[in-house]
């Protein structure tokens, strides 16, 4: 399986892929011949924040980071 990050693609191609709808299809051609057809298999779910990085957990991480910085300098 190949994975592409939309940020790595030219903007025009990334927009075409993002605009794909449930009933839409993206046809990729080369020299007039159809090379591939892409359909939206499932709508991507927005990422949720990590549950373990709650404010108290983040405070502990930052305190540890500050202690490491102070030890170095």
N, C-alpha and C. Protein backbone atom coordinates (compact mmCIF):
# COMPACT_ATOMS: atom_id res chain seq x y z
N UNK A 1 0.84 -1.17 0.00
CA UNK A 1 0.00 0.00 0.00
C UNK A 1 0.89 1.24 0.00
N UNK A 2 0.53 2.22 -0.77
CA UNK A 2 1.27 3.47 -0.87
C UNK A 2 0.52 4.55 -0.10
N UNK A 3 1.24 5.34 0.70
CA UNK A 3 0.63 6.43 1.44
C UNK A 3 1.23 7.75 0.95
N UNK A 4 0.35 8.71 0.64
CA UNK A 4 0.79 10.04 0.21
C UNK A 4 0.29 11.07 1.20
N UNK A 5 1.16 11.98 1.60
CA UNK A 5 0.76 13.10 2.45
C UNK A 5 0.35 14.24 1.53
N UNK A 6 -0.84 14.79 1.72
CA UNK A 6 -1.32 15.87 0.86
C UNK A 6 -0.40 17.08 0.90
N UNK A 7 0.32 17.27 2.01
CA UNK A 7 1.25 18.40 2.11
C UNK A 7 2.43 18.26 1.16
N UNK A 8 2.72 17.03 0.72
CA UNK A 8 3.84 16.79 -0.18
C UNK A 8 3.46 16.94 -1.65
N UNK A 9 2.17 17.11 -1.93
CA UNK A 9 1.69 17.20 -3.31
C UNK A 9 1.54 18.65 -3.73
N UNK A 10 1.57 18.91 -5.04
CA UNK A 10 1.28 20.27 -5.51
C UNK A 10 -0.13 20.68 -5.08
N UNK A 11 -0.35 21.96 -4.79
CA UNK A 11 -1.64 22.42 -4.26
C UNK A 11 -2.85 22.03 -5.12
N UNK A 12 -2.73 22.11 -6.42
CA UNK A 12 -3.86 21.79 -7.30
C UNK A 12 -4.29 20.32 -7.14
N UNK A 13 -3.32 19.43 -7.03
CA UNK A 13 -3.63 18.00 -6.87
C UNK A 13 -4.21 17.74 -5.48
N UNK A 14 -3.63 18.36 -4.46
CA UNK A 14 -4.12 18.19 -3.10
C UNK A 14 -5.57 18.67 -2.99
N UNK A 15 -5.89 19.80 -3.62
CA UNK A 15 -7.26 20.32 -3.58
C UNK A 15 -8.23 19.37 -4.28
N UNK A 16 -7.81 18.80 -5.39
CA UNK A 16 -8.68 17.87 -6.12
C UNK A 16 -8.96 16.63 -5.27
N UNK A 17 -7.96 16.15 -4.55
CA UNK A 17 -8.16 14.98 -3.70
C UNK A 17 -9.03 15.30 -2.49
N UNK A 18 -8.83 16.46 -1.89
CA UNK A 18 -9.63 16.86 -0.74
C UNK A 18 -11.09 17.10 -1.11
N UNK A 19 -11.34 17.54 -2.34
CA UNK A 19 -12.69 17.86 -2.78
C UNK A 19 -13.48 16.63 -3.23
N UNK A 20 -12.85 15.47 -3.22
CA UNK A 20 -13.53 14.24 -3.65
C UNK A 20 -14.72 13.97 -2.73
N UNK A 21 -15.89 13.75 -3.33
CA UNK A 21 -17.10 13.50 -2.56
C UNK A 21 -17.43 12.01 -2.57
N UNK A 22 -18.44 11.65 -1.78
CA UNK A 22 -18.82 10.25 -1.66
C UNK A 22 -19.20 9.62 -3.00
N UNK A 23 -19.85 10.39 -3.85
CA UNK A 23 -20.28 9.84 -5.14
C UNK A 23 -19.35 10.26 -6.28
N UNK A 24 -18.30 10.96 -5.97
CA UNK A 24 -17.37 11.44 -7.00
C UNK A 24 -16.29 10.43 -7.32
N UNK A 25 -15.59 10.71 -8.40
CA UNK A 25 -14.51 9.84 -8.85
C UNK A 25 -13.42 10.72 -9.45
N UNK A 26 -12.18 10.41 -9.16
CA UNK A 26 -11.05 11.13 -9.74
C UNK A 26 -10.39 10.20 -10.74
N UNK A 27 -10.31 10.63 -11.97
CA UNK A 27 -9.71 9.81 -13.03
C UNK A 27 -8.33 10.38 -13.35
N UNK A 28 -7.33 9.53 -13.31
CA UNK A 28 -5.96 9.93 -13.62
C UNK A 28 -5.63 9.39 -15.01
N UNK A 29 -5.17 10.30 -15.87
CA UNK A 29 -4.87 9.91 -17.25
C UNK A 29 -3.42 10.23 -17.60
N UNK A 30 -2.95 9.56 -18.64
CA UNK A 30 -1.62 9.85 -19.19
C UNK A 30 -1.73 9.65 -20.69
N UNK A 31 -1.43 10.69 -21.43
CA UNK A 31 -1.52 10.67 -22.89
C UNK A 31 -2.91 10.21 -23.36
N UNK A 32 -3.93 10.64 -22.63
CA UNK A 32 -5.30 10.33 -23.02
C UNK A 32 -5.81 8.98 -22.54
N UNK A 33 -4.97 8.15 -21.98
CA UNK A 33 -5.39 6.83 -21.51
C UNK A 33 -5.64 6.88 -20.00
N UNK A 34 -6.67 6.20 -19.55
CA UNK A 34 -6.98 6.16 -18.11
C UNK A 34 -5.96 5.25 -17.42
N UNK A 35 -5.28 5.83 -16.44
CA UNK A 35 -4.26 5.09 -15.68
C UNK A 35 -4.86 4.57 -14.37
N UNK A 36 -5.71 5.38 -13.74
CA UNK A 36 -6.30 4.99 -12.46
C UNK A 36 -7.59 5.74 -12.23
N UNK A 37 -8.45 5.15 -11.42
CA UNK A 37 -9.68 5.80 -10.98
C UNK A 37 -9.68 5.74 -9.46
N UNK A 38 -9.91 6.89 -8.83
CA UNK A 38 -9.93 6.95 -7.37
C UNK A 38 -11.33 7.32 -6.90
N UNK A 39 -11.80 6.58 -5.91
CA UNK A 39 -13.07 6.88 -5.27
C UNK A 39 -12.83 7.00 -3.78
N UNK A 40 -13.65 7.80 -3.13
CA UNK A 40 -13.55 7.98 -1.69
C UNK A 40 -14.08 6.74 -1.00
N UNK A 41 -13.23 6.01 -0.29
CA UNK A 41 -13.65 4.79 0.39
C UNK A 41 -14.36 5.13 1.70
N UNK A 42 -13.83 6.06 2.44
CA UNK A 42 -14.45 6.51 3.68
C UNK A 42 -13.99 7.92 3.98
N UNK A 43 -14.85 8.71 4.57
CA UNK A 43 -14.51 10.09 4.91
C UNK A 43 -13.53 10.07 6.08
N UNK A 44 -12.39 10.79 5.97
CA UNK A 44 -11.41 10.81 7.06
C UNK A 44 -12.01 11.43 8.32
N UNK A 45 -11.61 10.90 9.45
CA UNK A 45 -12.07 11.41 10.74
C UNK A 45 -11.04 12.41 11.25
N UNK A 46 -11.52 13.52 11.79
CA UNK A 46 -10.61 14.53 12.33
C UNK A 46 -9.85 13.93 13.50
N UNK A 47 -8.54 14.19 13.58
CA UNK A 47 -7.76 13.63 14.68
C UNK A 47 -8.20 14.20 16.02
N UNK A 48 -8.22 13.36 17.04
CA UNK A 48 -8.57 13.80 18.39
C UNK A 48 -7.30 13.96 19.20
N UNK A 49 -7.28 14.89 20.12
CA UNK A 49 -6.07 15.07 20.92
C UNK A 49 -5.80 13.84 21.76
N UNK A 50 -4.54 13.60 22.00
CA UNK A 50 -4.14 12.43 22.79
C UNK A 50 -4.69 12.57 24.21
N UNK A 51 -5.26 11.50 24.71
CA UNK A 51 -5.89 11.55 26.03
C UNK A 51 -4.85 11.68 27.15
N UNK A 52 -3.64 11.20 26.92
CA UNK A 52 -2.63 11.23 27.97
C UNK A 52 -1.94 12.58 28.08
N UNK A 53 -2.25 13.54 27.24
CA UNK A 53 -1.63 14.86 27.32
C UNK A 53 -2.61 15.87 27.90
N UNK A 54 -3.24 15.50 29.00
CA UNK A 54 -4.11 16.41 29.72
C UNK A 54 -3.26 17.48 30.37
N UNK A 55 -3.86 18.61 30.80
CA UNK A 55 -3.06 19.70 31.38
C UNK A 55 -2.09 19.25 32.47
N UNK A 56 -2.51 18.32 33.38
CA UNK A 56 -1.57 17.90 34.44
C UNK A 56 -0.42 17.11 33.86
N UNK A 57 -0.69 16.26 32.89
CA UNK A 57 0.39 15.50 32.26
C UNK A 57 1.34 16.42 31.52
N UNK A 58 0.80 17.44 30.86
CA UNK A 58 1.63 18.39 30.13
C UNK A 58 2.48 19.20 31.10
N UNK A 59 1.93 19.54 32.26
CA UNK A 59 2.69 20.30 33.26
C UNK A 59 3.90 19.49 33.72
N UNK A 60 3.69 18.20 33.96
CA UNK A 60 4.78 17.34 34.39
C UNK A 60 5.86 17.23 33.31
N UNK A 61 5.45 17.14 32.07
CA UNK A 61 6.39 17.06 30.96
C UNK A 61 7.21 18.34 30.86
N UNK A 62 6.55 19.49 30.98
CA UNK A 62 7.25 20.77 30.88
C UNK A 62 8.23 20.96 32.05
N UNK A 63 7.83 20.52 33.25
CA UNK A 63 8.74 20.62 34.40
C UNK A 63 9.99 19.77 34.16
N UNK A 64 9.80 18.58 33.64
CA UNK A 64 10.93 17.70 33.35
C UNK A 64 11.83 18.33 32.27
N UNK A 65 11.21 18.91 31.25
CA UNK A 65 11.96 19.57 30.18
C UNK A 65 12.78 20.73 30.73
N UNK A 66 12.16 21.55 31.57
CA UNK A 66 12.87 22.69 32.16
C UNK A 66 14.06 22.22 33.01
N UNK A 67 13.84 21.13 33.77
CA UNK A 67 14.92 20.60 34.60
C UNK A 67 16.08 20.12 33.73
N UNK A 68 15.78 19.49 32.61
CA UNK A 68 16.83 19.04 31.70
C UNK A 68 17.60 20.21 31.13
N UNK A 69 16.90 21.28 30.75
CA UNK A 69 17.55 22.48 30.21
C UNK A 69 18.48 23.09 31.26
N UNK A 70 17.98 23.22 32.49
CA UNK A 70 18.80 23.81 33.55
C UNK A 70 20.04 22.97 33.83
N UNK A 71 19.92 21.64 33.76
CA UNK A 71 21.07 20.78 33.97
C UNK A 71 22.12 20.97 32.89
N UNK A 72 21.69 21.24 31.67
CA UNK A 72 22.63 21.40 30.54
C UNK A 72 23.36 22.73 30.61
N UNK A 73 22.70 23.76 31.12
CA UNK A 73 23.30 25.08 31.11
C UNK A 73 23.55 25.52 32.53
